[in-house]
C-alpha atoms as a PDB file:
ATOM      1  CA  MET A   1     -44.437  29.796  62.219  1.00  0.00           C
ATOM      2  CA  SER A   2     -46.218  32.225  64.528  1.00  0.00           C
ATOM      3  CA  ARG A   3     -46.625  35.866  63.551  1.00  0.00           C
ATOM      4  CA  PRO A   4     -44.229  37.316  66.269  1.00  0.00           C
ATOM      5  CA  VAL A   5     -41.503  34.833  65.285  1.00  0.00           C
ATOM      6  CA  LEU A   6     -41.993  35.671  61.604  1.00  0.00           C
ATOM      7  CA  ILE A   7     -41.761  39.407  62.338  1.00  0.00           C
ATOM      8  CA  ARG A   8     -38.540  38.880  64.330  1.00  0.00           C
ATOM      9  CA  PHE A   9     -37.120  36.757  61.533  1.00  0.00           C
ATOM     10  CA  ILE A  10     -37.925  39.417  58.895  1.00  0.00           C
ATOM     11  CA  LEU A  11     -36.494  42.157  61.116  1.00  0.00           C
ATOM     12  CA  ILE A  12     -33.245  40.270  61.702  1.00  0.00           C
ATOM     13  CA  ALA A  13     -32.957  39.354  58.018  1.00  0.00           C
ATOM     14  CA  SER A  14     -33.552  42.973  56.988  1.00  0.00           C
ATOM     15  CA  LEU A  15     -30.667  44.031  59.235  1.00  0.00           C
ATOM     16  CA  LEU A  16     -28.279  41.247  58.283  1.00  0.00           C
ATOM     17  CA  LEU A  17     -28.797  41.335  54.518  1.00  0.00           C
ATOM     18  CA  PRO A  18     -27.485  44.903  53.973  1.00  0.00           C
ATOM     19  CA  ALA A  19     -24.579  44.239  56.339  1.00  0.00           C
ATOM     20  CA  SER A  20     -23.716  41.046  54.437  1.00  0.00           C
ATOM     21  CA  LEU A  21     -23.870  42.818  51.088  1.00  0.00           C
ATOM     22  CA  CYS A  22     -21.646  45.624  52.365  1.00  0.00           C
ATOM     23  CA  MET A  23     -19.098  43.115  53.624  1.00  0.00           C
ATOM     24  CA  ALA A  24     -19.156  41.239  50.327  1.00  0.00           C
ATOM     25  CA  PHE A  25     -18.487  44.354  48.249  1.00  0.00           C
ATOM     26  CA  PHE A  26     -16.263  46.404  50.563  1.00  0.00           C
ATOM     27  CA  TRP A  27     -14.315  43.812  52.565  1.00  0.00           C
ATOM     28  CA  PRO A  28     -10.554  44.390  52.101  1.00  0.00           C
ATOM     29  CA  GLU A  29      -8.642  41.987  49.927  1.00  0.00           C
ATOM     30  CA  THR A  30      -5.983  40.914  52.440  1.00  0.00           C
ATOM     31  CA  THR A  31      -5.597  40.469  56.177  1.00  0.00           C
ATOM     32  CA  HIS A  32      -3.200  43.441  56.208  1.00  0.00           C
ATOM     33  CA  GLU A  33      -5.959  45.731  54.960  1.00  0.00           C
ATOM     34  CA  ARG A  34      -8.355  44.513  57.650  1.00  0.00           C
ATOM     35  CA  LYS A  35      -6.030  45.523  60.485  1.00  0.00           C
ATOM     36  CA  THR A  36      -6.739  49.002  61.792  1.00  0.00           C
ATOM     37  CA  ASN A  37      -4.977  49.055  65.143  1.00  0.00           C
ATOM     38  CA  TRP A  38      -2.707  52.071  64.581  1.00  0.00           C
ATOM     39  CA  VAL A  39      -2.619  54.800  67.184  1.00  0.00           C
ATOM     40  CA  GLY A  40      -3.584  58.336  66.202  1.00  0.00           C
ATOM     41  CA  ALA A  41      -5.338  59.761  63.205  1.00  0.00           C
ATOM     42  CA  PRO A  42      -4.639  58.002  59.928  1.00  0.00           C
ATOM     43  CA  GLY A  43      -2.608  59.961  57.444  1.00  0.00           C
ATOM     44  CA  PRO A  44      -3.590  60.968  53.950  1.00  0.00           C
ATOM     45  CA  THR A  45      -4.980  58.500  51.453  1.00  0.00           C
ATOM     46  CA  GLN A  46      -2.147  57.279  49.268  1.00  0.00           C
ATOM     47  CA  PRO A  47      -2.477  56.303  45.589  1.00  0.00           C
ATOM     48  CA  ILE A  48      -1.373  52.781  46.527  1.00  0.00           C
ATOM     49  CA  ALA A  49      -2.009  51.194  49.901  1.00  0.00           C
ATOM     50  CA  PHE A  50       1.603  50.611  50.908  1.00  0.00           C
ATOM     51  CA  TYR A  51       2.023  48.439  53.987  1.00  0.00           C
ATOM     52  CA  HIS A  52       5.021  49.661  55.961  1.00  0.00           C
ATOM     53  CA  HIS A  53       4.060  47.040  58.547  1.00  0.00           C
ATOM     54  CA  VAL A  54       4.692  44.190  56.114  1.00  0.00           C
ATOM     55  CA  HIS A  55       7.843  45.650  54.580  1.00  0.00           C
ATOM     56  CA  VAL A  56       9.431  46.848  57.857  1.00  0.00           C
ATOM     57  CA  ASN A  57       8.309  44.305  60.470  1.00  0.00           C
ATOM     58  CA  GLU A  58       7.777  41.136  58.472  1.00  0.00           C
ATOM     59  CA  LEU A  59      10.350  41.526  55.671  1.00  0.00           C
ATOM     60  CA  HIS A  60      12.842  43.646  57.673  1.00  0.00           C
ATOM     61  CA  ILE A  61      13.528  46.035  54.806  1.00  0.00           C
ATOM     62  CA  PRO A  62      15.432  49.057  56.173  1.00  0.00           C
ATOM     63  CA  CYS A  63      14.067  52.581  55.627  1.00  0.00           C
ATOM     64  CA  ALA A  64      17.115  53.452  53.514  1.00  0.00           C
ATOM     65  CA  TYR A  65      16.265  50.807  50.890  1.00  0.00           C
ATOM     66  CA  CYS A  66      13.356  52.910  49.632  1.00  0.00           C
ATOM     67  CA  HIS A  67      14.314  56.329  51.057  1.00  0.00           C
ATOM     68  CA  TRP A  68      18.036  56.229  50.233  1.00  0.00           C
ATOM     69  CA  THR A  69      18.513  60.003  49.777  1.00  0.00           C
ATOM     70  CA  ALA A  70      17.901  60.618  53.502  1.00  0.00           C
ATOM     71  CA  ALA A  71      21.516  59.675  54.231  1.00  0.00           C
ATOM     72  CA  ASN A  72      23.067  62.237  51.888  1.00  0.00           C
ATOM     73  CA  SER A  73      20.590  65.028  51.211  1.00  0.00           C
ATOM     74  CA  ARG A  74      18.111  67.371  52.799  1.00  0.00           C
ATOM     75  CA  TYR A  75      15.115  65.267  51.744  1.00  0.00           C
ATOM     76  CA  ALA A  76      14.151  61.639  52.056  1.00  0.00           C
ATOM     77  CA  ASN A  77      12.956  60.618  48.611  1.00  0.00           C
ATOM     78  CA  TYR A  78       9.781  58.853  47.666  1.00  0.00           C
ATOM     79  CA  PRO A  79      10.738  55.547  46.138  1.00  0.00           C
ATOM     80  CA  PRO A  80      10.472  55.530  42.351  1.00  0.00           C
ATOM     81  CA  VAL A  81       8.111  52.986  40.840  1.00  0.00           C
ATOM     82  CA  GLU A  82      11.133  51.010  39.581  1.00  0.00           C
ATOM     83  CA  VAL A  83      12.115  50.203  43.176  1.00  0.00           C
ATOM     84  CA  CYS A  84       8.636  48.851  43.917  1.00  0.00           C
ATOM     85  CA  TRP A  85       8.456  46.978  40.634  1.00  0.00           C
ATOM     86  CA  GLY A  86      11.941  45.514  41.125  1.00  0.00           C
ATOM     87  CA  CYS A  87      10.491  43.210  43.790  1.00  0.00           C
ATOM     88  CA  HIS A  88       6.828  43.093  42.891  1.00  0.00           C
ATOM     89  CA  LYS A  89       7.246  41.926  39.314  1.00  0.00           C
ATOM     90  CA  ASN A  90       7.694  38.528  41.016  1.00  0.00           C
ATOM     91  CA  ILE A  91       5.956  38.955  44.393  1.00  0.00           C
ATOM     92  CA  SER A  92       2.204  39.279  45.048  1.00  0.00           C
ATOM     93  CA  VAL A  93       1.577  39.942  41.355  1.00  0.00           C
ATOM     94  CA  THR A  94      -2.161  39.189  41.613  1.00  0.00           C
ATOM     95  CA  HIS A  95      -2.809  41.672  44.420  1.00  0.00           C
ATOM     96  CA  PRO A  96      -4.938  44.640  43.240  1.00  0.00           C
ATOM     97  CA  GLN A  97      -2.516  47.189  44.725  1.00  0.00           C
ATOM     98  CA  ILE A  98       0.403  45.592  42.857  1.00  0.00           C
ATOM     99  CA  ALA A  99      -1.653  45.821  39.652  1.00  0.00           C
ATOM    100  CA  ARG A 100      -1.687  49.586  40.241  1.00  0.00           C
ATOM    101  CA  VAL A 101       2.117  49.586  40.698  1.00  0.00           C
ATOM    102  CA  ARG A 102       2.432  47.612  37.453  1.00  0.00           C
ATOM    103  CA  GLN A 103       0.283  50.158  35.610  1.00  0.00           C
ATOM    104  CA  TYR A 104       2.423  53.087  36.837  1.00  0.00           C
ATOM    105  CA  TYR A 105       5.504  51.144  35.722  1.00  0.00           C
ATOM    106  CA  ILE A 106       4.075  50.350  32.275  1.00  0.00           C
ATOM    107  CA  ASP A 107       2.938  53.963  31.816  1.00  0.00           C
ATOM    108  CA  LYS A 108       6.382  55.185  32.935  1.00  0.00           C
ATOM    109  CA  LYS A 109       4.726  57.493  35.467  1.00  0.00           C
ATOM    110  CA  PRO A 110       5.875  58.116  39.028  1.00  0.00           C
ATOM    111  CA  ILE A 111       3.562  57.038  41.801  1.00  0.00           C
ATOM    112  CA  PRO A 112       2.044  60.287  43.130  1.00  0.00           C
ATOM    113  CA  TRP A 113       2.734  59.643  46.814  1.00  0.00           C
ATOM    114  CA  VAL A 114       1.229  62.156  49.237  1.00  0.00           C
ATOM    115  CA  ARG A 115       3.699  63.690  51.700  1.00  0.00           C
ATOM    116  CA  VAL A 116       2.894  62.796  55.308  1.00  0.00           C
ATOM    117  CA  ASN A 117       5.535  64.716  57.286  1.00  0.00           C
ATOM    118  CA  GLN A 118       5.929  68.327  56.244  1.00  0.00           C
ATOM    119  CA  GLN A 119       7.865  71.198  57.778  1.00  0.00           C
ATOM    120  CA  PRO A 120       6.903  74.820  57.149  1.00  0.00           C
ATOM    121  CA  GLY A 121       8.821  76.583  54.364  1.00  0.00           C
ATOM    122  CA  TYR A 122      10.818  78.676  56.852  1.00  0.00           C
ATOM    123  CA  VAL A 123      12.298  75.563  58.501  1.00  0.00           C
ATOM    124  CA  HIS A 124      15.427  74.114  56.939  1.00  0.00           C
ATOM    125  CA  PHE A 125      15.480  70.474  58.046  1.00  0.00           C
ATOM    126  CA  VAL A 126      18.298  68.302  56.706  1.00  0.00           C
ATOM    127  CA  HIS A 127      17.760  64.539  56.892  1.00  0.00           C
ATOM    128  CA  SER A 128      21.431  63.700  56.251  1.00  0.00           C
ATOM    129  CA  SER A 129      22.610  65.646  59.334  1.00  0.00           C
ATOM    130  CA  HIS A 130      20.246  63.712  61.540  1.00  0.00           C
ATOM    131  CA  ILE A 131      21.016  60.321  59.952  1.00  0.00           C
ATOM    132  CA  GLY A 132      24.748  61.107  60.202  1.00  0.00           C
ATOM    133  CA  ALA A 133      24.344  61.845  63.927  1.00  0.00           C
ATOM    134  CA  GLY A 134      22.769  58.423  64.412  1.00  0.00           C
ATOM    135  CA  ILE A 135      19.215  59.649  64.982  1.00  0.00           C
ATOM    136  CA  ALA A 136      16.833  56.799  64.210  1.00  0.00           C
ATOM    137  CA  CYS A 137      14.059  57.498  61.681  1.00  0.00           C
ATOM    138  CA  ALA A 138      11.485  56.523  64.321  1.00  0.00           C
ATOM    139  CA  THR A 139      12.562  59.446  66.526  1.00  0.00           C
ATOM    140  CA  CYS A 140      10.661  61.829  64.243  1.00  0.00           C
ATOM    141  CA  HIS A 141       8.487  59.519  62.160  1.00  0.00           C
ATOM    142  CA  GLY A 142       7.337  57.138  64.885  1.00  0.00           C
ATOM    143  CA  ASN A 143       7.253  53.386  64.508  1.00  0.00           C
ATOM    144  CA  VAL A 144       6.008  53.203  60.918  1.00  0.00           C
ATOM    145  CA  GLY A 145       6.335  49.431  61.134  1.00  0.00           C
ATOM    146  CA  SER A 146       3.288  49.444  63.419  1.00  0.00           C
ATOM    147  CA  MET A 147       1.254  51.719  61.122  1.00  0.00           C
ATOM    148  CA  TYR A 148      -1.037  50.339  58.464  1.00  0.00           C
ATOM    149  CA  ALA A 149      -1.604  53.843  57.125  1.00  0.00           C
ATOM    150  CA  VAL A 150       1.319  56.174  57.779  1.00  0.00           C
ATOM    151  CA  TYR A 151       0.524  59.310  59.734  1.00  0.00           C
ATOM    152  CA  GLN A 152       2.561  61.971  61.492  1.00  0.00           C
ATOM    153  CA  PRO A 153       2.606  60.797  65.122  1.00  0.00           C
ATOM    154  CA  ILE A 154       4.572  63.717  66.543  1.00  0.00           C
ATOM    155  CA  GLU A 155       3.841  67.408  66.241  1.00  0.00           C
ATOM    156  CA  MET A 156       7.296  68.515  65.158  1.00  0.00           C
ATOM    157  CA  ASN A 157       7.218  72.092  66.374  1.00  0.00           C
ATOM    158  CA  MET A 158      10.133  74.303  67.409  1.00  0.00           C
ATOM    159  CA  GLY A 159       9.907  73.410  71.103  1.00  0.00           C
ATOM    160  CA  TRP A 160      10.015  69.701  70.310  1.00  0.00           C
ATOM    161  CA  CYS A 161      13.046  70.142  68.021  1.00  0.00           C
ATOM    162  CA  ILE A 162      14.951  72.296  70.534  1.00  0.00           C
ATOM    163  CA  SER A 163      14.364  69.838  73.370  1.00  0.00           C
ATOM    164  CA  CYS A 164      15.701  67.052  71.134  1.00  0.00           C
ATOM    165  CA  HIS A 165      18.750  69.146  70.169  1.00  0.00           C
ATOM    166  CA  ARG A 166      19.452  69.850  73.854  1.00  0.00           C
ATOM    167  CA  GLN A 167      19.128  66.158  74.672  1.00  0.00           C
ATOM    168  CA  TYR A 168      21.632  65.271  71.939  1.00  0.00           C
ATOM    169  CA  GLN A 169      24.014  68.045  73.022  1.00  0.00           C
ATOM    170  CA  LYS A 170      24.366  66.176  76.303  1.00  0.00           C
ATOM    171  CA  LYS A 171      24.459  62.710  74.757  1.00  0.00           C
ATOM    172  CA  PHE A 172      26.729  63.336  71.743  1.00  0.00           C
ATOM    173  CA  HIS A 173      28.992  66.150  72.904  1.00  0.00           C
ATOM    174  CA  PRO A 174      31.267  66.083  69.817  1.00  0.00           C
ATOM    175  CA  TYR A 175      28.311  66.563  67.448  1.00  0.00           C
ATOM    176  CA  GLN A 176      26.945  69.585  69.365  1.00  0.00           C
ATOM    177  CA  ALA A 177      23.377  69.668  68.049  1.00  0.00           C
ATOM    178  CA  SER A 178      23.058  73.433  67.917  1.00  0.00           C
ATOM    179  CA  VAL A 179      20.105  75.343  69.317  1.00  0.00           C
ATOM    180  CA  ASP A 180      21.124  78.502  67.435  1.00  0.00           C
ATOM    181  CA  CYS A 181      18.236  79.970  65.392  1.00  0.00           C
ATOM    182  CA  TYR A 182      20.262  79.824  62.169  1.00  0.00           C
ATOM    183  CA  THR A 183      20.653  76.066  62.460  1.00  0.00           C
ATOM    184  CA  CYS A 184      17.105  75.603  61.165  1.00  0.00           C
ATOM    185  CA  HIS A 185      16.021  79.084  59.986  1.00  0.00           C
ATOM    186  CA  TYR A 186      18.092  80.481  57.095  1.00  0.00           C
END
């Protein structure tokens, strides 16, 4: 082997070896974790990598299955670990993320989910009013089924909310989505 060929070989090997080692140690466990085609900035790191894409798009689980309080209260709940474990005690039990769910379940500790969508303290937003008026979750939360890491896709400021209320005043006249200040600020 000639000296220039040997030098090129060593140079290429020195570049490929670290890349190969990084891939071996840090490559995600599943195809779902390798996909990163969401639009916008990824949201906060969650204690468990929950794949809305799989649960919403592939399994067709409705939002209300996990976030059932949205229909009858101000807040949409985080699902308790028992809801996750109810399915995953039999499904994907060898997956490292499910092992974390199992540990929370065994320890009788709630999963410390990190809130993604947050309104300021002076805004009184009631999920049940919006669900009752037939507003789809995706109107405010975006298409979480296309997100591999949930993020807040819409800046939910006062102007955005008022324009939506005005739109629904025209569309659903009997519901009269109010634009009065006290609707959201009390």
